[in-house]
Amino acid sequence: MGLFKSRDERKIERDIEIRRGIASLRRNIRDLGKHEISYIDKAKRAKKIGDKEQLGFLKKMLKKTAAQKRMRERQLLGIETAVQIKSQAESDADFAKSMGAVAKSISEVYGTTDFVKTQKNFEKAMMQAETLQQQMDVFLEMSTEHVMSGEVEGEDQIISDSEIDRMLDEQVVHEEGKEVDSDIDKGLKEIQDELDREEK
């Protein structure tokens, strides 16, 4: 590997790092979703058997997991938005380069003296594009460091106790509804079987 890398090589490495970061965030969100479902299931079981101590612990873990998941989703949205801005900035830079080349060709063909002004405008546009690129690099680096730190602040503000209780209650009601429907279906089948036997 050479000591000095070209601009294109550095760009490729940055793009690879960005894609890795996005893929890692998406995997983390999927894993947190699985943990969330598992904690909900365990909390429902603890609630059914009346184990308040386990229920309290599981609700705490569910809150932490739900808060982490929501934070990761926000981070993913931020990185995806930053990548889109970066892509637009690169397109603008390519456009500026093309326009600079066209302006130079026109100046050479017609022998005008406007090339100096065009060159200044081009250099100004390139400096602005480079500044935006550097800002995007710093932003993405800070976002990546924050993601990798695994810290979640303000869990109570992100996920409230009432939200956790509602998640659990909705699951319990849904399951109890399924059990009632099953009992009704079973009773109807027994009645139908009895009627069939009487007809015979």
N, C-alpha and C. Protein backbone atom coordinates (compact mmCIF):
# COMPACT_ATOMS: atom_id res chain seq x y z
N MET A 1 0.85 -1.20 0.00
CA MET A 1 0.00 0.00 0.00
C MET A 1 0.87 1.24 0.00
N GLY A 2 0.59 2.18 -0.89
CA GLY A 2 1.41 3.37 -1.00
C GLY A 2 1.22 4.29 0.18
N LEU A 3 2.25 5.09 0.42
CA LEU A 3 2.19 6.02 1.56
C LEU A 3 1.17 7.12 1.29
N PHE A 4 1.10 7.57 0.04
CA PHE A 4 0.16 8.65 -0.31
C PHE A 4 -0.94 8.08 -1.19
N LYS A 5 -2.16 8.37 -0.81
CA LYS A 5 -3.31 7.87 -1.56
C LYS A 5 -3.90 9.00 -2.39
N SER A 6 -4.44 8.61 -3.53
CA SER A 6 -5.06 9.60 -4.40
C SER A 6 -6.42 10.02 -3.82
N ARG A 7 -6.94 11.10 -4.35
CA ARG A 7 -8.26 11.58 -3.91
C ARG A 7 -9.33 10.51 -4.14
N ASP A 8 -9.26 9.83 -5.31
CA ASP A 8 -10.25 8.79 -5.61
C ASP A 8 -10.14 7.62 -4.63
N GLU A 9 -8.91 7.24 -4.28
CA GLU A 9 -8.73 6.15 -3.32
C GLU A 9 -9.29 6.51 -1.95
N ARG A 10 -9.04 7.74 -1.51
CA ARG A 10 -9.58 8.19 -0.22
C ARG A 10 -11.10 8.23 -0.26
N LYS A 11 -11.66 8.65 -1.38
CA LYS A 11 -13.11 8.70 -1.52
C LYS A 11 -13.71 7.30 -1.45
N ILE A 12 -13.08 6.34 -2.12
CA ILE A 12 -13.57 4.96 -2.09
C ILE A 12 -13.54 4.42 -0.66
N GLU A 13 -12.45 4.69 0.05
CA GLU A 13 -12.33 4.20 1.43
C GLU A 13 -13.40 4.83 2.32
N ARG A 14 -13.66 6.13 2.12
CA ARG A 14 -14.72 6.79 2.91
C ARG A 14 -16.08 6.19 2.61
N ASP A 15 -16.35 5.94 1.33
CA ASP A 15 -17.64 5.36 0.94
C ASP A 15 -17.82 3.97 1.54
N ILE A 16 -16.75 3.19 1.55
CA ILE A 16 -16.82 1.85 2.14
C ILE A 16 -17.11 1.94 3.64
N GLU A 17 -16.42 2.86 4.31
CA GLU A 17 -16.63 3.04 5.75
C GLU A 17 -18.06 3.48 6.04
N ILE A 18 -18.60 4.35 5.20
CA ILE A 18 -19.98 4.81 5.40
C ILE A 18 -20.95 3.64 5.23
N ARG A 19 -20.74 2.84 4.18
CA ARG A 19 -21.63 1.69 3.96
C ARG A 19 -21.55 0.70 5.10
N ARG A 20 -20.34 0.49 5.62
CA ARG A 20 -20.20 -0.41 6.77
C ARG A 20 -20.95 0.12 7.98
N GLY A 21 -20.85 1.42 8.22
CA GLY A 21 -21.54 2.02 9.35
C GLY A 21 -23.05 1.88 9.24
N ILE A 22 -23.58 2.12 8.03
CA ILE A 22 -25.02 1.99 7.81
C ILE A 22 -25.47 0.55 7.99
N ALA A 23 -24.70 -0.40 7.44
CA ALA A 23 -25.05 -1.82 7.59
C ALA A 23 -25.02 -2.24 9.06
N SER A 24 -24.02 -1.75 9.79
CA SER A 24 -23.93 -2.07 11.22
C SER A 24 -25.12 -1.53 11.99
N LEU A 25 -25.54 -0.30 11.68
CA LEU A 25 -26.71 0.28 12.34
C LEU A 25 -27.97 -0.52 12.05
N ARG A 26 -28.15 -0.92 10.79
CA ARG A 26 -29.34 -1.68 10.44
C ARG A 26 -29.37 -3.03 11.15
N ARG A 27 -28.20 -3.69 11.25
CA ARG A 27 -28.14 -4.96 11.98
C ARG A 27 -28.48 -4.75 13.45
N ASN A 28 -27.95 -3.67 14.02
CA ASN A 28 -28.20 -3.37 15.43
C ASN A 28 -29.68 -3.12 15.70
N ILE A 29 -30.34 -2.41 14.78
CA ILE A 29 -31.77 -2.13 14.92
C ILE A 29 -32.57 -3.43 14.86
N ARG A 30 -32.20 -4.33 13.93
CA ARG A 30 -32.89 -5.63 13.85
C ARG A 30 -32.70 -6.43 15.13
N ASP A 31 -31.47 -6.46 15.66
CA ASP A 31 -31.20 -7.20 16.89
C ASP A 31 -31.98 -6.62 18.07
N LEU A 32 -32.02 -5.29 18.16
CA LEU A 32 -32.76 -4.66 19.25
C LEU A 32 -34.25 -4.95 19.14
N GLY A 33 -34.76 -5.04 17.92
CA GLY A 33 -36.17 -5.40 17.72
C GLY A 33 -36.46 -6.80 18.23
N LYS A 34 -35.53 -7.73 17.99
CA LYS A 34 -35.69 -9.09 18.50
C LYS A 34 -35.65 -9.13 20.02
N HIS A 35 -34.71 -8.37 20.61
CA HIS A 35 -34.63 -8.31 22.08
C HIS A 35 -35.92 -7.71 22.66
N GLU A 36 -36.44 -6.69 21.98
CA GLU A 36 -37.67 -6.04 22.46
C GLU A 36 -38.82 -7.03 22.52
N ILE A 37 -38.98 -7.83 21.45
CA ILE A 37 -40.04 -8.84 21.42
C ILE A 37 -39.84 -9.87 22.52
N SER A 38 -38.58 -10.28 22.73
CA SER A 38 -38.28 -11.27 23.76
C SER A 38 -38.60 -10.74 25.16
N TYR A 39 -38.25 -9.48 25.43
CA TYR A 39 -38.54 -8.90 26.75
C TYR A 39 -40.05 -8.76 26.96
N ILE A 40 -40.78 -8.39 25.89
CA ILE A 40 -42.23 -8.28 26.00
C ILE A 40 -42.84 -9.64 26.36
N ASP A 41 -42.36 -10.68 25.69
CA ASP A 41 -42.87 -12.03 25.95
C ASP A 41 -42.60 -12.45 27.40
N LYS A 42 -41.39 -12.20 27.86
CA LYS A 42 -41.04 -12.57 29.23
C LYS A 42 -41.82 -11.74 30.24
N ALA A 43 -42.02 -10.45 29.95
CA ALA A 43 -42.78 -9.59 30.86
C ALA A 43 -44.23 -10.04 30.95
N LYS A 44 -44.81 -10.49 29.83
CA LYS A 44 -46.18 -11.00 29.86
C LYS A 44 -46.27 -12.24 30.75
N ARG A 45 -45.27 -13.11 30.64
CA ARG A 45 -45.26 -14.31 31.47
C ARG A 45 -45.13 -13.96 32.94
N ALA A 46 -44.26 -12.99 33.24
CA ALA A 46 -44.09 -12.56 34.63
C ALA A 46 -45.38 -11.93 35.17
N LYS A 47 -46.07 -11.19 34.32
CA LYS A 47 -47.33 -10.55 34.72
C LYS A 47 -48.40 -11.60 34.99
N LYS A 48 -48.45 -12.64 34.17
CA LYS A 48 -49.45 -13.69 34.34
C LYS A 48 -49.25 -14.48 35.64
N ILE A 49 -47.97 -14.71 35.99
CA ILE A 49 -47.72 -15.49 37.22
C ILE A 49 -47.61 -14.60 38.45
N GLY A 50 -47.75 -13.30 38.27
CA GLY A 50 -47.74 -12.37 39.39
C GLY A 50 -46.38 -12.10 40.00
N ASP A 51 -45.31 -12.28 39.21
CA ASP A 51 -43.95 -12.03 39.70
C ASP A 51 -43.61 -10.55 39.47
N LYS A 52 -43.92 -9.74 40.47
CA LYS A 52 -43.73 -8.29 40.33
C LYS A 52 -42.26 -7.90 40.21
N GLU A 53 -41.40 -8.62 40.92
CA GLU A 53 -39.97 -8.29 40.88
C GLU A 53 -39.40 -8.50 39.47
N GLN A 54 -39.69 -9.67 38.89
CA GLN A 54 -39.22 -9.95 37.53
C GLN A 54 -39.88 -9.00 36.52
N LEU A 55 -41.17 -8.70 36.73
CA LEU A 55 -41.87 -7.81 35.83
C LEU A 55 -41.23 -6.42 35.84
N GLY A 56 -40.88 -5.93 37.02
CA GLY A 56 -40.24 -4.62 37.12
C GLY A 56 -38.89 -4.60 36.41
N PHE A 57 -38.10 -5.67 36.60
CA PHE A 57 -36.79 -5.75 35.94
C PHE A 57 -36.95 -5.82 34.43
N LEU A 58 -37.89 -6.64 33.95
CA LEU A 58 -38.08 -6.81 32.52
C LEU A 58 -38.61 -5.53 31.88
N LYS A 59 -39.46 -4.80 32.58
CA LYS A 59 -39.95 -3.52 32.07
C LYS A 59 -38.80 -2.53 31.94
N LYS A 60 -37.87 -2.57 32.91
CA LYS A 60 -36.70 -1.69 32.85
C LYS A 60 -35.83 -2.03 31.64
N MET A 61 -35.61 -3.32 31.41
CA MET A 61 -34.80 -3.75 30.26
C MET A 61 -35.52 -3.44 28.94
N LEU A 62 -36.84 -3.59 28.94
CA LEU A 62 -37.61 -3.27 27.75
C LEU A 62 -37.52 -1.78 27.42
N LYS A 63 -37.58 -0.96 28.45
CA LYS A 63 -37.46 0.49 28.26
C LYS A 63 -36.09 0.84 27.68
N LYS A 64 -35.05 0.24 28.24
CA LYS A 64 -33.69 0.52 27.77
C LYS A 64 -33.52 0.08 26.31
N THR A 65 -34.04 -1.12 26.00
CA THR A 65 -33.92 -1.64 24.63
C THR A 65 -34.70 -0.80 23.64
N ALA A 66 -35.93 -0.44 24.01
CA ALA A 66 -36.76 0.39 23.12
C ALA A 66 -36.11 1.75 22.89
N ALA A 67 -35.51 2.31 23.94
CA ALA A 67 -34.83 3.61 23.80
C ALA A 67 -33.62 3.49 22.88
N GLN A 68 -32.84 2.41 23.04
CA GLN A 68 -31.68 2.21 22.17
C GLN A 68 -32.11 2.04 20.72
N LYS A 69 -33.19 1.28 20.50
CA LYS A 69 -33.68 1.06 19.14
C LYS A 69 -34.09 2.37 18.50
N ARG A 70 -34.83 3.19 19.26
CA ARG A 70 -35.29 4.47 18.71
C ARG A 70 -34.10 5.39 18.41
N MET A 71 -33.09 5.37 19.30
CA MET A 71 -31.89 6.19 19.09
C MET A 71 -31.13 5.73 17.85
N ARG A 72 -30.99 4.41 17.67
CA ARG A 72 -30.31 3.89 16.49
C ARG A 72 -31.06 4.27 15.21
N GLU A 73 -32.39 4.24 15.27
CA GLU A 73 -33.17 4.62 14.09
C GLU A 73 -32.94 6.09 13.75
N ARG A 74 -32.83 6.93 14.76
CA ARG A 74 -32.54 8.34 14.52
C ARG A 74 -31.13 8.51 13.93
N GLN A 75 -30.17 7.74 14.46
CA GLN A 75 -28.81 7.82 13.95
C GLN A 75 -28.75 7.36 12.50
N LEU A 76 -29.48 6.28 12.18
CA LEU A 76 -29.50 5.78 10.81
C LEU A 76 -30.08 6.82 9.87
N LEU A 77 -31.16 7.45 10.29
CA LEU A 77 -31.78 8.50 9.48
C LEU A 77 -30.80 9.66 9.26
N GLY A 78 -30.05 10.03 10.31
CA GLY A 78 -29.09 11.12 10.19
C GLY A 78 -27.97 10.79 9.21
N ILE A 79 -27.44 9.56 9.29
CA ILE A 79 -26.36 9.16 8.39
C ILE A 79 -26.86 9.08 6.95
N GLU A 80 -28.06 8.49 6.75
CA GLU A 80 -28.60 8.40 5.40
C GLU A 80 -28.82 9.78 4.79
N THR A 81 -29.28 10.72 5.61
CA THR A 81 -29.47 12.09 5.12
C THR A 81 -28.12 12.73 4.77
N ALA A 82 -27.12 12.52 5.63
CA ALA A 82 -25.80 13.08 5.38
C ALA A 82 -25.19 12.51 4.10
N VAL A 83 -25.39 11.21 3.87
CA VAL A 83 -24.87 10.59 2.64
C VAL A 83 -25.54 11.20 1.41
N GLN A 84 -26.84 11.46 1.52
CA GLN A 84 -27.54 12.09 0.40
C GLN A 84 -26.99 13.48 0.12
N ILE A 85 -26.74 14.26 1.19
CA ILE A 85 -26.17 15.60 1.01
C ILE A 85 -24.78 15.50 0.38
N LYS A 86 -24.00 14.53 0.85
CA LYS A 86 -22.66 14.32 0.31
C LYS A 86 -22.71 14.00 -1.18
N SER A 87 -23.66 13.15 -1.57
CA SER A 87 -23.81 12.79 -2.97
C SER A 87 -24.17 14.00 -3.82
N GLN A 88 -25.06 14.83 -3.28
CA GLN A 88 -25.45 16.04 -4.00
C GLN A 88 -24.26 17.00 -4.14
N ALA A 89 -23.47 17.11 -3.08
CA ALA A 89 -22.31 18.00 -3.13
C ALA A 89 -21.30 17.52 -4.18
N GLU A 90 -21.12 16.20 -4.25
CA GLU A 90 -20.20 15.64 -5.25
C GLU A 90 -20.72 15.88 -6.67
N SER A 91 -22.04 15.79 -6.83
CA SER A 91 -22.63 16.08 -8.15
C SER A 91 -22.41 17.54 -8.52
N ASP A 92 -22.58 18.43 -7.54
CA ASP A 92 -22.34 19.85 -7.79
C ASP A 92 -20.88 20.09 -8.18
N ALA A 93 -19.97 19.38 -7.50
CA ALA A 93 -18.55 19.55 -7.81
C ALA A 93 -18.25 19.07 -9.22
N ASP A 94 -18.85 17.94 -9.60
CA ASP A 94 -18.65 17.42 -10.97
C ASP A 94 -19.19 18.41 -12.00
N PHE A 95 -20.34 18.99 -11.68
CA PHE A 95 -20.93 19.98 -12.58
C PHE A 95 -20.01 21.19 -12.72
N ALA A 96 -19.46 21.64 -11.58
CA ALA A 96 -18.57 22.80 -11.62
C ALA A 96 -17.32 22.51 -12.45
N LYS A 97 -16.80 21.29 -12.32
CA LYS A 97 -15.63 20.92 -13.12
C LYS A 97 -15.96 20.93 -14.61
N SER A 98 -17.13 20.37 -14.94
CA SER A 98 -17.53 20.33 -16.35
C SER A 98 -17.72 21.74 -16.91
N MET A 99 -18.37 22.59 -16.12
CA MET A 99 -18.59 23.96 -16.57
C MET A 99 -17.27 24.70 -16.71
N GLY A 100 -16.35 24.42 -15.80
CA GLY A 100 -15.04 25.05 -15.91
C GLY A 100 -14.32 24.65 -17.19
N ALA A 101 -14.43 23.36 -17.54
CA ALA A 101 -13.80 22.87 -18.77
C ALA A 101 -14.45 23.50 -20.00
N VAL A 102 -15.77 23.60 -19.97
CA VAL A 102 -16.49 24.21 -21.09
C VAL A 102 -16.10 25.69 -21.23
N ALA A 103 -16.04 26.39 -20.09
CA ALA A 103 -15.69 27.81 -20.11
C ALA A 103 -14.27 28.00 -20.66
N LYS A 104 -13.40 27.11 -20.26
CA LYS A 104 -12.01 27.20 -20.75
C LYS A 104 -11.95 26.98 -22.25
N SER A 105 -12.71 26.00 -22.73
CA SER A 105 -12.73 25.71 -24.17
C SER A 105 -13.27 26.90 -24.95
N ILE A 106 -14.36 27.47 -24.43
CA ILE A 106 -14.95 28.63 -25.11
C ILE A 106 -13.96 29.79 -25.15
N SER A 107 -13.29 30.01 -24.01
CA SER A 107 -12.32 31.11 -23.94
C SER A 107 -11.19 30.90 -24.94
N GLU A 108 -10.74 29.66 -25.05
CA GLU A 108 -9.64 29.38 -25.97
C GLU A 108 -10.09 29.58 -27.42
N VAL A 109 -11.33 29.16 -27.71
CA VAL A 109 -11.83 29.27 -29.08
C VAL A 109 -11.99 30.74 -29.48
N TYR A 110 -12.59 31.54 -28.61
CA TYR A 110 -12.89 32.93 -28.96
C TYR A 110 -11.81 33.91 -28.52
N GLY A 111 -10.84 33.43 -27.77
CA GLY A 111 -9.75 34.30 -27.36
C GLY A 111 -10.19 35.44 -26.46
N THR A 112 -11.23 35.19 -25.67
CA THR A 112 -11.72 36.26 -24.79
C THR A 112 -10.86 36.34 -23.55
N THR A 113 -11.04 37.45 -22.83
CA THR A 113 -10.29 37.65 -21.57
C THR A 113 -11.14 37.31 -20.35
N ASP A 114 -12.35 36.74 -20.58
CA ASP A 114 -13.23 36.41 -19.46
C ASP A 114 -12.78 35.15 -18.71
N PHE A 115 -11.78 34.49 -19.23
CA PHE A 115 -11.33 33.24 -18.60
C PHE A 115 -10.86 33.48 -17.17
N VAL A 116 -10.24 34.62 -16.91
CA VAL A 116 -9.76 34.91 -15.55
C VAL A 116 -10.93 34.94 -14.57
N LYS A 117 -12.02 35.60 -14.98
CA LYS A 117 -13.21 35.67 -14.13
C LYS A 117 -13.81 34.28 -13.94
N THR A 118 -13.88 33.52 -15.05
CA THR A 118 -14.42 32.17 -14.96
C THR A 118 -13.59 31.30 -14.02
N GLN A 119 -12.26 31.46 -14.13
CA GLN A 119 -11.36 30.67 -13.27
C GLN A 119 -11.57 31.01 -11.80
N LYS A 120 -11.73 32.30 -11.51
CA LYS A 120 -11.96 32.71 -10.12
C LYS A 120 -13.27 32.14 -9.58
N ASN A 121 -14.32 32.21 -10.41
CA ASN A 121 -15.60 31.65 -10.00
C ASN A 121 -15.51 30.14 -9.79
N PHE A 122 -14.77 29.50 -10.67
CA PHE A 122 -14.59 28.06 -10.56
C PHE A 122 -13.84 27.70 -9.28
N GLU A 123 -12.76 28.43 -8.99
CA GLU A 123 -11.99 28.17 -7.77
C GLU A 123 -12.83 28.40 -6.52
N LYS A 124 -13.66 29.44 -6.56
CA LYS A 124 -14.54 29.73 -5.43
C LYS A 124 -15.54 28.58 -5.23
N ALA A 125 -16.12 28.09 -6.34
CA ALA A 125 -17.08 26.98 -6.25
C ALA A 125 -16.41 25.73 -5.71
N MET A 126 -15.18 25.47 -6.15
CA MET A 126 -14.46 24.29 -5.68
C MET A 126 -14.13 24.40 -4.20
N MET A 127 -13.76 25.60 -3.75
CA MET A 127 -13.47 25.79 -2.32
C MET A 127 -14.72 25.55 -1.48
N GLN A 128 -15.87 26.02 -1.97
CA GLN A 128 -17.12 25.79 -1.25
C GLN A 128 -17.46 24.31 -1.21
N ALA A 129 -17.27 23.62 -2.34
CA ALA A 129 -17.55 22.18 -2.38
C ALA A 129 -16.62 21.42 -1.45
N GLU A 130 -15.35 21.83 -1.43
CA GLU A 130 -14.37 21.17 -0.56
C GLU A 130 -14.71 21.40 0.90
N THR A 131 -15.13 22.62 1.23
CA THR A 131 -15.52 22.92 2.62
C THR A 131 -16.70 22.07 3.04
N LEU A 132 -17.69 21.95 2.16
CA LEU A 132 -18.86 21.12 2.47
C LEU A 132 -18.45 19.66 2.62
N GLN A 133 -17.53 19.20 1.79
CA GLN A 133 -17.04 17.83 1.89
C GLN A 133 -16.37 17.59 3.24
N GLN A 134 -15.54 18.54 3.67
CA GLN A 134 -14.87 18.40 4.96
C GLN A 134 -15.88 18.40 6.10
N GLN A 135 -16.89 19.25 6.01
CA GLN A 135 -17.92 19.28 7.04
C GLN A 135 -18.67 17.96 7.10
N MET A 136 -18.95 17.37 5.93
CA MET A 136 -19.63 16.08 5.90
C MET A 136 -18.76 14.99 6.52
N ASP A 137 -17.45 15.03 6.23
CA ASP A 137 -16.53 14.04 6.80
C ASP A 137 -16.53 14.12 8.32
N VAL A 138 -16.46 15.35 8.85
CA VAL A 138 -16.45 15.54 10.30
C VAL A 138 -17.77 15.07 10.90
N PHE A 139 -18.86 15.43 10.24
CA PHE A 139 -20.18 15.03 10.74
C PHE A 139 -20.32 13.52 10.78
N LEU A 140 -19.94 12.85 9.68
CA LEU A 140 -20.05 11.40 9.63
C LEU A 140 -19.14 10.71 10.64
N GLU A 141 -17.95 11.28 10.82
CA GLU A 141 -17.02 10.71 11.80
C GLU A 141 -17.59 10.81 13.21
N MET A 142 -18.16 11.98 13.54
CA MET A 142 -18.76 12.16 14.87
C MET A 142 -19.96 11.23 15.05
N SER A 143 -20.76 11.07 13.99
CA SER A 143 -21.92 10.20 14.07
C SER A 143 -21.49 8.75 14.28
N THR A 144 -20.43 8.34 13.54
CA THR A 144 -19.93 6.97 13.68
C THR A 144 -19.41 6.72 15.09
N GLU A 145 -18.66 7.70 15.65
CA GLU A 145 -18.13 7.55 17.01
C GLU A 145 -19.27 7.45 18.02
N HIS A 146 -20.32 8.23 17.81
CA HIS A 146 -21.46 8.20 18.74
C HIS A 146 -22.17 6.86 18.66
N VAL A 147 -22.31 6.33 17.42
CA VAL A 147 -22.97 5.04 17.24
C VAL A 147 -22.18 3.94 17.92
N MET A 148 -20.85 3.95 17.72
CA MET A 148 -20.02 2.90 18.27
C MET A 148 -19.88 2.98 19.79
N SER A 149 -20.13 4.16 20.36
CA SER A 149 -20.01 4.30 21.82
C SER A 149 -21.10 3.54 22.54
N GLY A 150 -22.25 3.36 21.87
CA GLY A 150 -23.35 2.60 22.47
C GLY A 150 -24.06 3.31 23.59
N GLU A 151 -23.85 4.61 23.75
CA GLU A 151 -24.47 5.34 24.84
C GLU A 151 -25.85 5.81 24.44
N VAL A 152 -26.79 5.67 25.39
CA VAL A 152 -28.14 6.18 25.18
C VAL A 152 -28.49 7.04 26.37
N GLU A 153 -28.72 8.30 26.12
CA GLU A 153 -29.03 9.23 27.20
C GLU A 153 -30.51 9.57 27.18
N GLY A 154 -31.05 9.86 28.36
CA GLY A 154 -32.43 10.29 28.46
C GLY A 154 -33.43 9.23 28.09
N GLU A 155 -33.21 7.98 28.56
CA GLU A 155 -34.12 6.90 28.22
C GLU A 155 -35.54 7.20 28.68
N ASP A 156 -35.66 7.78 29.87
CA ASP A 156 -36.99 8.08 30.40
C ASP A 156 -37.73 9.09 29.53
N GLN A 157 -36.98 9.99 28.88
CA GLN A 157 -37.61 10.98 28.01
C GLN A 157 -37.99 10.37 26.67
N ILE A 158 -37.24 9.36 26.21
CA ILE A 158 -37.51 8.74 24.92
C ILE A 158 -38.66 7.74 25.03
N ILE A 159 -38.63 6.87 26.03
CA ILE A 159 -39.66 5.85 26.24
C ILE A 159 -40.20 5.99 27.66
N SER A 160 -41.47 6.31 27.80
CA SER A 160 -42.06 6.48 29.13
C SER A 160 -42.56 5.16 29.68
N ASP A 161 -42.78 5.14 31.01
CA ASP A 161 -43.33 3.94 31.64
C ASP A 161 -44.69 3.59 31.07
N SER A 162 -45.50 4.61 30.78
CA SER A 162 -46.84 4.35 30.25
C SER A 162 -46.77 3.69 28.87
N GLU A 163 -45.76 4.04 28.06
CA GLU A 163 -45.60 3.40 26.75
C GLU A 163 -45.27 1.92 26.91
N ILE A 164 -44.39 1.60 27.87
CA ILE A 164 -44.02 0.21 28.12
C ILE A 164 -45.24 -0.58 28.59
N ASP A 165 -46.01 -0.01 29.54
CA ASP A 165 -47.21 -0.68 30.03
C ASP A 165 -48.20 -0.92 28.88
N ARG A 166 -48.35 0.09 27.99
CA ARG A 166 -49.29 -0.06 26.88
C ARG A 166 -48.84 -1.17 25.94
N MET A 167 -47.54 -1.26 25.68
CA MET A 167 -47.02 -2.32 24.81
C MET A 167 -47.35 -3.71 25.38
N LEU A 168 -47.16 -3.86 26.70
CA LEU A 168 -47.44 -5.14 27.35
C LEU A 168 -48.93 -5.45 27.34
N ASP A 169 -49.74 -4.45 27.71
CA ASP A 169 -51.19 -4.67 27.78
C ASP A 169 -51.76 -5.04 26.41
N GLU A 170 -51.27 -4.39 25.36
CA GLU A 170 -51.77 -4.70 24.02
C GLU A 170 -51.47 -6.14 23.64
N GLN A 171 -50.29 -6.61 24.00
CA GLN A 171 -49.93 -7.99 23.70
C GLN A 171 -50.78 -8.98 24.48
N VAL A 172 -51.02 -8.69 25.78
CA VAL A 172 -51.81 -9.59 26.63
C VAL A 172 -53.25 -9.65 26.11
N VAL A 173 -53.85 -8.48 25.80
CA VAL A 173 -55.22 -8.45 25.30
C VAL A 173 -55.33 -9.20 23.98
N HIS A 174 -54.31 -9.03 23.13
CA HIS A 174 -54.31 -9.71 21.83
C HIS A 174 -54.28 -11.22 22.02
N GLU A 175 -53.44 -11.71 22.94
CA GLU A 175 -53.34 -13.15 23.18
C GLU A 175 -54.60 -13.69 23.83
N GLU A 176 -55.16 -12.94 24.81
CA GLU A 176 -56.39 -13.38 25.47
C GLU A 176 -57.54 -13.45 24.47
N GLY A 177 -57.57 -12.51 23.54
CA GLY A 177 -58.60 -12.52 22.50
C GLY A 177 -58.50 -13.77 21.64
N LYS A 178 -57.26 -14.17 21.35
CA LYS A 178 -57.05 -15.39 20.58
C LYS A 178 -57.56 -16.61 21.33
N GLU A 179 -57.30 -16.65 22.68
CA GLU A 179 -57.74 -17.78 23.48
C GLU A 179 -59.27 -17.85 23.52
N VAL A 180 -59.95 -16.71 23.66
CA VAL A 180 -61.42 -16.69 23.68
C VAL A 180 -61.97 -17.17 22.34
N ASP A 181 -61.39 -16.69 21.24
CA ASP A 181 -61.84 -17.12 19.92
C ASP A 181 -61.67 -18.63 19.76
N SER A 182 -60.57 -19.16 20.29
CA SER A 182 -60.32 -20.60 20.20
C SER A 182 -61.36 -21.38 20.98
N ASP A 183 -61.72 -20.89 22.18
CA ASP A 183 -62.73 -21.57 23.01
C ASP A 183 -64.09 -21.54 22.31
N ILE A 184 -64.44 -20.42 21.71
CA ILE A 184 -65.73 -20.31 20.99
C ILE A 184 -65.77 -21.28 19.81
N ASP A 185 -64.68 -21.32 19.04
CA ASP A 185 -64.63 -22.24 17.91
C ASP A 185 -64.77 -23.69 18.36
N LYS A 186 -64.13 -24.00 19.48
CA LYS A 186 -64.20 -25.37 19.99
C LYS A 186 -65.63 -25.72 20.41
N GLY A 187 -66.31 -24.77 21.10
CA GLY A 187 -67.68 -25.01 21.53
C GLY A 187 -68.62 -25.19 20.35
N LEU A 188 -68.46 -24.35 19.32
CA LEU A 188 -69.30 -24.47 18.13
C LEU A 188 -69.08 -25.80 17.43
N LYS A 189 -67.84 -26.27 17.40
CA LYS A 189 -67.55 -27.55 16.77
C LYS A 189 -68.21 -28.69 17.53
N GLU A 190 -68.20 -28.63 18.88
CA GLU A 190 -68.82 -29.68 19.68
C GLU A 190 -70.34 -29.71 19.44
N ILE A 191 -70.96 -28.54 19.33
CA ILE A 191 -72.40 -28.47 19.07
C ILE A 191 -72.71 -29.06 17.69
N GLN A 192 -71.90 -28.70 16.70
CA GLN A 192 -72.12 -29.21 15.35
C GLN A 192 -71.96 -30.73 15.31
N ASP A 193 -70.95 -31.24 16.01
CA ASP A 193 -70.75 -32.70 16.07
C ASP A 193 -71.95 -33.39 16.70
N GLU A 194 -72.50 -32.77 17.75
CA GLU A 194 -73.66 -33.35 18.44
C GLU A 194 -74.88 -33.37 17.50
N LEU A 195 -75.08 -32.28 16.75
CA LEU A 195 -76.18 -32.23 15.79
C LEU A 195 -76.02 -33.28 14.68
N ASP A 196 -74.78 -33.45 14.25
CA ASP A 196 -74.52 -34.45 13.21
C ASP A 196 -74.85 -35.85 13.71
N ARG A 197 -74.51 -36.13 14.98
CA ARG A 197 -74.78 -37.46 15.54
C ARG A 197 -76.27 -37.71 15.67
N GLU A 198 -77.03 -36.65 16.07
CA GLU A 198 -78.48 -36.79 16.22
C GLU A 198 -79.17 -37.04 14.87
N GLU A 199 -78.66 -36.42 13.82
CA GLU A 199 -79.25 -36.63 12.49
C GLU A 199 -79.04 -38.06 12.01
N LYS A 200 -77.92 -38.66 12.41
CA LYS A 200 -77.66 -40.05 12.02
C LYS A 200 -78.59 -41.00 12.78
